[in-house]
């Protein structure tokens, strides 16, 4: 049911926060990879330590929804953006994930030769009448 509720929050690429769900839901979504699939190397120990800081401290509160929305931006790691100081590997993963997101079935030119010098087999995209709906 929670996944269903989260599906209505998309697109995450909107930068304005809605604060419909509590912060632990956003934190769990980030840690599980359901919200940002390319972000799999978060350290839960560091996050638990940060969460264990005194409640009165401003530094102890992270805005998990804002972080999720910032990470979902296509240009999240460009200069002038809030997330420019991240490891290059994370920025590269985001770039690759964007390429995969932009692909679609049949997104290949059959006339281009592959590494063996032969043209790949054409991939026919399914016709709408052949597609099955997932229940």
Protein backbone atom coordinates (compact mmCIF):
# COMPACT_ATOMS: atom_id res chain seq x y z
CA UNK A 1 0.00 0.00 0.00
CA UNK A 2 2.90 2.33 0.75
CA UNK A 3 4.38 1.73 -2.71
CA UNK A 4 1.01 2.69 -4.16
CA UNK A 5 1.00 5.93 -2.15
CA UNK A 6 4.57 6.72 -3.20
CA UNK A 7 3.64 6.26 -6.86
CA UNK A 8 1.44 9.36 -6.60
CA UNK A 9 4.41 11.48 -5.53
CA UNK A 10 6.07 11.18 -8.90
CA UNK A 11 7.60 12.84 -10.65
CA UNK A 12 10.29 13.12 -8.04
CA UNK A 13 12.02 15.55 -10.36
CA UNK A 14 9.82 18.32 -8.99
CA UNK A 15 12.05 20.18 -6.58
CA UNK A 16 9.31 21.47 -4.32
CA UNK A 17 8.75 19.30 -1.27
CA UNK A 18 5.22 18.26 -0.38
CA UNK A 19 5.80 16.75 3.09
CA UNK A 20 2.90 14.35 2.63
CA UNK A 21 4.85 11.38 3.95
CA UNK A 22 6.89 11.41 7.17
CA UNK A 23 10.72 11.49 6.98
CA UNK A 24 11.19 7.80 7.95
CA UNK A 25 9.27 6.76 4.81
CA UNK A 26 11.58 8.81 2.61
CA UNK A 27 14.65 7.49 4.46
CA UNK A 28 13.47 3.89 4.03
CA UNK A 29 12.78 4.52 0.33
CA UNK A 30 16.28 5.84 -0.21
CA UNK A 31 17.96 3.05 1.76
CA UNK A 32 15.98 0.33 -0.01
CA UNK A 33 16.66 1.71 -3.50
CA UNK A 34 12.98 2.02 -4.35
CA UNK A 35 13.11 5.78 -4.84
CA UNK A 36 16.57 6.22 -6.38
CA UNK A 37 17.66 2.87 -7.87
CA UNK A 38 21.23 3.95 -8.66
CA UNK A 39 21.88 4.85 -5.00
CA UNK A 40 22.75 1.47 -3.48
CA UNK A 41 25.84 2.29 -1.44
CA UNK A 42 24.42 4.38 1.38
CA UNK A 43 25.99 3.40 4.69
CA UNK A 44 23.17 2.55 7.14
CA UNK A 45 25.58 2.75 10.09
CA UNK A 46 26.41 6.39 9.35
CA UNK A 47 22.72 7.16 8.93
CA UNK A 48 21.84 5.49 12.25
CA UNK A 49 24.59 7.46 13.99
CA UNK A 50 23.26 10.67 12.48
CA UNK A 51 19.71 9.80 13.55
CA UNK A 52 20.94 9.05 17.09
CA UNK A 53 22.17 12.64 17.53
CA UNK A 54 20.25 14.71 20.08
CA UNK A 55 16.80 15.69 18.82
CA UNK A 56 17.34 19.35 19.64
CA UNK A 57 20.29 19.64 17.28
CA UNK A 58 19.58 21.22 13.90
CA UNK A 59 22.31 19.05 12.38
CA UNK A 60 20.52 15.87 13.47
CA UNK A 61 17.54 16.49 11.20
CA UNK A 62 17.91 15.59 7.56
CA UNK A 63 15.27 16.51 5.02
CA UNK A 64 14.91 13.08 3.41
CA UNK A 65 12.24 14.17 0.95
CA UNK A 66 14.34 17.08 -0.26
CA UNK A 67 17.37 14.79 -0.60
CA UNK A 68 15.34 12.28 -2.63
CA UNK A 69 14.00 15.02 -4.90
CA UNK A 70 17.46 16.54 -5.38
CA UNK A 71 18.98 13.15 -6.23
CA UNK A 72 16.23 12.56 -8.80
CA UNK A 73 17.11 15.71 -10.75
CA UNK A 74 18.67 14.97 -14.16
CA UNK A 75 21.28 17.66 -13.56
CA UNK A 76 21.72 16.99 -9.83
CA UNK A 77 25.52 16.94 -9.95
CA UNK A 78 26.14 19.79 -12.40
CA UNK A 79 27.98 22.92 -11.32
CA UNK A 80 25.76 25.33 -9.47
CA UNK A 81 23.50 22.56 -8.15
CA UNK A 82 23.29 21.64 -4.45
CA UNK A 83 24.85 18.18 -4.92
CA UNK A 84 28.07 19.06 -6.72
CA UNK A 85 30.36 17.72 -3.96
CA UNK A 86 29.69 13.99 -4.45
CA UNK A 87 32.03 11.18 -5.47
CA UNK A 88 32.57 10.94 -9.23
CA UNK A 89 31.31 7.35 -9.18
CA UNK A 90 27.91 8.47 -7.95
CA UNK A 91 27.67 11.20 -10.58
CA UNK A 92 28.66 8.68 -13.27
CA UNK A 93 26.07 6.17 -12.03
CA UNK A 94 23.41 8.88 -12.28
CA UNK A 95 24.52 9.65 -15.83
CA UNK A 96 24.37 5.96 -16.83
CA UNK A 97 20.99 5.53 -15.14
CA UNK A 98 19.67 8.48 -17.15
CA UNK A 99 20.84 6.82 -20.37
CA UNK A 100 19.05 3.62 -19.39
CA UNK A 101 15.95 5.57 -18.44
CA UNK A 102 15.90 7.20 -21.86
CA UNK A 103 16.16 3.90 -23.74
CA UNK A 104 13.20 1.98 -25.06
CA UNK A 105 12.63 -1.43 -26.59
CA UNK A 106 13.88 -1.46 -30.15
CA UNK A 107 16.20 1.50 -29.56
CA UNK A 108 18.86 0.16 -31.90
CA UNK A 109 19.78 0.70 -35.52
CA UNK A 110 19.85 -2.75 -37.14
CA UNK A 111 22.05 -1.54 -39.99
CA UNK A 112 24.98 -0.67 -37.71
CA UNK A 113 27.49 -3.51 -37.49
CA UNK A 114 28.35 -4.93 -34.09
CA UNK A 115 31.86 -5.70 -32.86
CA UNK A 116 31.97 -8.83 -35.03
CA UNK A 117 31.24 -6.84 -38.20
CA UNK A 118 27.71 -8.19 -38.60
CA UNK A 119 24.47 -6.34 -38.29
CA UNK A 120 22.57 -7.30 -35.13
CA UNK A 121 19.26 -9.05 -35.38
CA UNK A 122 16.46 -6.50 -35.55
CA UNK A 123 14.38 -6.23 -32.39
CA UNK A 124 10.77 -5.73 -33.17
CA UNK A 125 8.97 -3.68 -30.51
CA UNK A 126 5.72 -5.26 -29.34
CA UNK A 127 2.58 -3.98 -30.94
CA UNK A 128 0.03 -2.47 -28.57
CA UNK A 129 -2.46 -5.25 -29.30
CA UNK A 130 0.15 -7.87 -28.28
CA UNK A 131 1.10 -6.23 -25.00
CA UNK A 132 -0.34 -7.71 -21.83
CA UNK A 133 -1.32 -5.59 -18.90
CA UNK A 134 0.28 -6.41 -15.55
CA UNK A 135 -2.26 -6.97 -12.82
